[in-house]
Amino acid sequence: MRIIDRWPEGEGVETLASYGVGGGVLEWWLLHIRPERHLVLADDAPETVERLRKLFPSAGGVHRHDLRADRPLDADASKDGP
């Protein structure tokens, strides 16, 4: 995970959007390694969005997001889901 953490830091990314978060394992590690990181999380499933809001109260926002219809979230860079 530390290797994945290096990319946003090296690129000067302040806000990272993650789409299709699902279980949030990668996002949890990214926040664990660097708690001050600003993550914006998105998933299409309403139940997943509610669960993520409970798991990531310090995230910059958890949004219900349809990749086919919604505009990209406001962020410097993004990580697409699987």
N, C-alpha and C. Protein backbone atom coordinates (compact mmCIF):
# COMPACT_ATOMS: atom_id res chain seq x y z
N MET A 1 0.81 -1.19 0.00
CA MET A 1 0.00 0.00 0.00
C MET A 1 0.86 1.26 0.00
N ARG A 2 2.01 1.19 0.60
CA ARG A 2 2.86 2.39 0.65
C ARG A 2 3.30 2.80 -0.76
N ILE A 3 3.44 1.81 -1.64
CA ILE A 3 3.80 2.14 -3.03
C ILE A 3 2.67 2.92 -3.68
N ILE A 4 1.43 2.48 -3.46
CA ILE A 4 0.27 3.18 -4.01
C ILE A 4 0.18 4.58 -3.42
N ASP A 5 0.53 4.72 -2.17
CA ASP A 5 0.49 6.02 -1.48
C ASP A 5 1.47 7.01 -2.09
N ARG A 6 2.54 6.54 -2.65
CA ARG A 6 3.57 7.44 -3.20
C ARG A 6 3.10 8.23 -4.41
N TRP A 7 2.25 7.64 -5.23
CA TRP A 7 1.84 8.33 -6.46
C TRP A 7 1.14 9.67 -6.18
N PRO A 8 0.05 9.70 -5.38
CA PRO A 8 -0.59 10.99 -5.16
C PRO A 8 0.34 12.01 -4.50
N GLU A 9 1.17 11.54 -3.59
CA GLU A 9 2.11 12.44 -2.93
C GLU A 9 3.10 13.01 -3.93
N GLY A 10 3.63 12.16 -4.79
CA GLY A 10 4.62 12.59 -5.78
C GLY A 10 4.05 13.54 -6.82
N GLU A 11 2.75 13.44 -7.06
CA GLU A 11 2.09 14.29 -8.06
C GLU A 11 1.48 15.55 -7.45
N GLY A 12 1.60 15.69 -6.15
CA GLY A 12 1.04 16.87 -5.48
C GLY A 12 -0.47 16.86 -5.40
N VAL A 13 -1.06 15.67 -5.39
CA VAL A 13 -2.52 15.55 -5.33
C VAL A 13 -2.98 15.88 -3.90
N GLU A 14 -3.87 16.86 -3.80
CA GLU A 14 -4.41 17.22 -2.49
C GLU A 14 -5.73 16.50 -2.22
N THR A 15 -6.56 16.35 -3.26
CA THR A 15 -7.84 15.67 -3.11
C THR A 15 -7.89 14.51 -4.11
N LEU A 16 -8.13 13.31 -3.59
CA LEU A 16 -8.17 12.11 -4.41
C LEU A 16 -9.58 11.55 -4.40
N ALA A 17 -10.18 11.38 -5.57
CA ALA A 17 -11.51 10.78 -5.69
C ALA A 17 -11.37 9.30 -5.98
N SER A 18 -12.20 8.51 -5.33
CA SER A 18 -12.20 7.07 -5.57
C SER A 18 -13.61 6.64 -5.94
N TYR A 19 -13.75 6.07 -7.13
CA TYR A 19 -15.05 5.65 -7.66
C TYR A 19 -15.20 4.14 -7.52
N GLY A 20 -16.43 3.69 -7.26
CA GLY A 20 -16.66 2.25 -7.12
C GLY A 20 -15.93 1.70 -5.92
N VAL A 21 -16.05 2.39 -4.80
CA VAL A 21 -15.26 2.08 -3.60
C VAL A 21 -15.55 0.68 -3.07
N GLY A 22 -16.80 0.27 -3.12
CA GLY A 22 -17.14 -1.07 -2.61
C GLY A 22 -16.80 -1.21 -1.14
N GLY A 23 -15.95 -2.15 -0.82
CA GLY A 23 -15.58 -2.40 0.58
C GLY A 23 -14.67 -1.35 1.19
N GLY A 24 -14.01 -0.55 0.38
CA GLY A 24 -13.18 0.53 0.89
C GLY A 24 -11.84 0.12 1.46
N VAL A 25 -11.34 -1.06 1.09
CA VAL A 25 -10.08 -1.55 1.65
C VAL A 25 -8.91 -0.65 1.27
N LEU A 26 -8.76 -0.34 -0.01
CA LEU A 26 -7.67 0.52 -0.44
C LEU A 26 -7.78 1.90 0.20
N GLU A 27 -8.98 2.45 0.23
CA GLU A 27 -9.18 3.77 0.80
C GLU A 27 -8.86 3.79 2.30
N TRP A 28 -9.24 2.72 3.00
CA TRP A 28 -8.92 2.64 4.42
C TRP A 28 -7.40 2.69 4.62
N TRP A 29 -6.68 1.91 3.83
CA TRP A 29 -5.22 1.91 3.95
C TRP A 29 -4.62 3.26 3.61
N LEU A 30 -5.12 3.90 2.56
CA LEU A 30 -4.60 5.21 2.20
C LEU A 30 -4.79 6.23 3.33
N LEU A 31 -5.94 6.17 4.01
CA LEU A 31 -6.16 7.07 5.15
C LEU A 31 -5.36 6.63 6.37
N HIS A 32 -5.16 5.34 6.53
CA HIS A 32 -4.37 4.83 7.66
C HIS A 32 -2.91 5.29 7.54
N ILE A 33 -2.38 5.23 6.34
CA ILE A 33 -0.99 5.63 6.09
C ILE A 33 -0.84 7.14 6.23
N ARG A 34 -1.82 7.88 5.72
CA ARG A 34 -1.72 9.35 5.72
C ARG A 34 -3.09 9.92 6.12
N PRO A 35 -3.36 10.00 7.43
CA PRO A 35 -4.68 10.44 7.91
C PRO A 35 -5.11 11.83 7.43
N GLU A 36 -4.15 12.66 7.09
CA GLU A 36 -4.49 14.01 6.64
C GLU A 36 -4.93 14.06 5.18
N ARG A 37 -4.84 12.93 4.49
CA ARG A 37 -5.24 12.87 3.08
C ARG A 37 -6.71 13.23 2.93
N HIS A 38 -7.03 13.94 1.87
CA HIS A 38 -8.41 14.32 1.58
C HIS A 38 -8.94 13.40 0.50
N LEU A 39 -9.82 12.47 0.90
CA LEU A 39 -10.43 11.52 -0.03
C LEU A 39 -11.89 11.88 -0.25
N VAL A 40 -12.35 11.76 -1.49
CA VAL A 40 -13.75 11.88 -1.84
C VAL A 40 -14.14 10.52 -2.40
N LEU A 41 -15.13 9.88 -1.79
CA LEU A 41 -15.48 8.51 -2.14
C LEU A 41 -16.83 8.46 -2.86
N ALA A 42 -16.95 7.52 -3.80
CA ALA A 42 -18.19 7.39 -4.56
C ALA A 42 -18.49 5.93 -4.86
N ASP A 43 -19.78 5.61 -4.78
CA ASP A 43 -20.25 4.29 -5.18
C ASP A 43 -21.69 4.48 -5.66
N ASP A 44 -22.19 3.53 -6.43
CA ASP A 44 -23.52 3.65 -6.99
C ASP A 44 -24.60 3.01 -6.11
N ALA A 45 -24.23 2.07 -5.26
CA ALA A 45 -25.20 1.36 -4.43
C ALA A 45 -25.54 2.15 -3.17
N PRO A 46 -26.81 2.47 -2.96
CA PRO A 46 -27.21 3.27 -1.79
C PRO A 46 -26.76 2.68 -0.46
N GLU A 47 -26.86 1.36 -0.31
CA GLU A 47 -26.46 0.73 0.95
C GLU A 47 -24.96 0.87 1.18
N THR A 48 -24.20 0.76 0.11
CA THR A 48 -22.75 0.91 0.21
C THR A 48 -22.39 2.33 0.60
N VAL A 49 -23.06 3.30 0.02
CA VAL A 49 -22.80 4.70 0.34
C VAL A 49 -23.05 4.95 1.82
N GLU A 50 -24.15 4.44 2.35
CA GLU A 50 -24.45 4.63 3.78
C GLU A 50 -23.40 3.96 4.66
N ARG A 51 -22.98 2.76 4.29
CA ARG A 51 -21.95 2.06 5.07
C ARG A 51 -20.64 2.82 5.03
N LEU A 52 -20.27 3.34 3.84
CA LEU A 52 -19.03 4.09 3.71
C LEU A 52 -19.06 5.37 4.52
N ARG A 53 -20.20 6.01 4.62
CA ARG A 53 -20.32 7.23 5.44
C ARG A 53 -20.02 6.92 6.91
N LYS A 54 -20.42 5.74 7.36
CA LYS A 54 -20.13 5.34 8.75
C LYS A 54 -18.66 4.96 8.93
N LEU A 55 -18.10 4.28 7.92
CA LEU A 55 -16.70 3.83 8.01
C LEU A 55 -15.69 4.95 7.82
N PHE A 56 -16.07 5.98 7.05
CA PHE A 56 -15.14 7.06 6.71
C PHE A 56 -15.72 8.42 7.08
N PRO A 57 -15.96 8.65 8.38
CA PRO A 57 -16.54 9.94 8.76
C PRO A 57 -15.61 11.12 8.48
N SER A 58 -14.32 10.87 8.38
CA SER A 58 -13.37 11.96 8.15
C SER A 58 -13.09 12.19 6.66
N ALA A 59 -13.69 11.38 5.79
CA ALA A 59 -13.47 11.56 4.35
C ALA A 59 -14.07 12.89 3.91
N GLY A 60 -13.59 13.39 2.80
CA GLY A 60 -14.07 14.66 2.27
C GLY A 60 -15.47 14.58 1.69
N GLY A 61 -16.08 13.45 1.77
CA GLY A 61 -17.45 13.25 1.29
C GLY A 61 -17.60 11.86 0.72
N VAL A 62 -18.78 11.30 0.92
CA VAL A 62 -19.13 10.02 0.33
C VAL A 62 -20.39 10.28 -0.49
N HIS A 63 -20.34 9.95 -1.77
CA HIS A 63 -21.40 10.31 -2.69
C HIS A 63 -21.95 9.09 -3.41
N ARG A 64 -23.26 9.12 -3.68
CA ARG A 64 -23.83 8.14 -4.61
C ARG A 64 -23.53 8.69 -5.99
N HIS A 65 -22.93 7.86 -6.83
CA HIS A 65 -22.42 8.36 -8.10
C HIS A 65 -22.58 7.31 -9.18
N ASP A 66 -23.20 7.69 -10.28
CA ASP A 66 -23.37 6.81 -11.43
C ASP A 66 -22.34 7.24 -12.48
N LEU A 67 -21.36 6.40 -12.73
CA LEU A 67 -20.29 6.73 -13.66
C LEU A 67 -20.81 7.02 -15.07
N ARG A 68 -21.94 6.44 -15.42
CA ARG A 68 -22.48 6.63 -16.77
C ARG A 68 -23.22 7.94 -16.92
N ALA A 69 -23.70 8.51 -15.83
CA ALA A 69 -24.56 9.69 -15.94
C ALA A 69 -24.05 10.93 -15.20
N ASP A 70 -23.31 10.73 -14.12
CA ASP A 70 -22.89 11.87 -13.29
C ASP A 70 -21.55 12.43 -13.73
N ARG A 71 -21.39 13.71 -13.49
CA ARG A 71 -20.11 14.37 -13.77
C ARG A 71 -19.05 13.90 -12.78
N PRO A 72 -17.78 14.00 -13.15
CA PRO A 72 -16.72 13.62 -12.21
C PRO A 72 -16.79 14.45 -10.94
N LEU A 73 -16.36 13.84 -9.85
CA LEU A 73 -16.30 14.55 -8.57
C LEU A 73 -15.16 15.57 -8.61
N ASP A 74 -15.26 16.58 -7.78
CA ASP A 74 -14.25 17.62 -7.70
C ASP A 74 -13.04 17.08 -6.95
N ALA A 75 -11.96 16.81 -7.69
CA ALA A 75 -10.74 16.26 -7.10
C ALA A 75 -9.57 16.52 -8.05
N ASP A 76 -8.35 16.42 -7.52
CA ASP A 76 -7.15 16.61 -8.33
C ASP A 76 -6.83 15.36 -9.17
N ALA A 77 -7.21 14.20 -8.65
CA ALA A 77 -6.94 12.93 -9.34
C ALA A 77 -8.00 11.93 -8.88
N SER A 78 -8.09 10.82 -9.63
CA SER A 78 -9.08 9.81 -9.26
C SER A 78 -8.54 8.41 -9.42
N LYS A 79 -9.15 7.51 -8.69
CA LYS A 79 -8.88 6.08 -8.77
C LYS A 79 -10.20 5.43 -9.13
N ASP A 80 -10.27 4.78 -10.29
CA ASP A 80 -11.50 4.13 -10.72
C ASP A 80 -11.63 2.78 -10.04
N GLY A 81 -12.87 2.36 -9.87
CA GLY A 81 -13.14 1.07 -9.26
C GLY A 81 -12.76 -0.09 -10.16
N PRO A 82 -12.93 -1.31 -9.65
CA PRO A 82 -12.57 -2.51 -10.43
C PRO A 82 -13.40 -2.69 -11.67
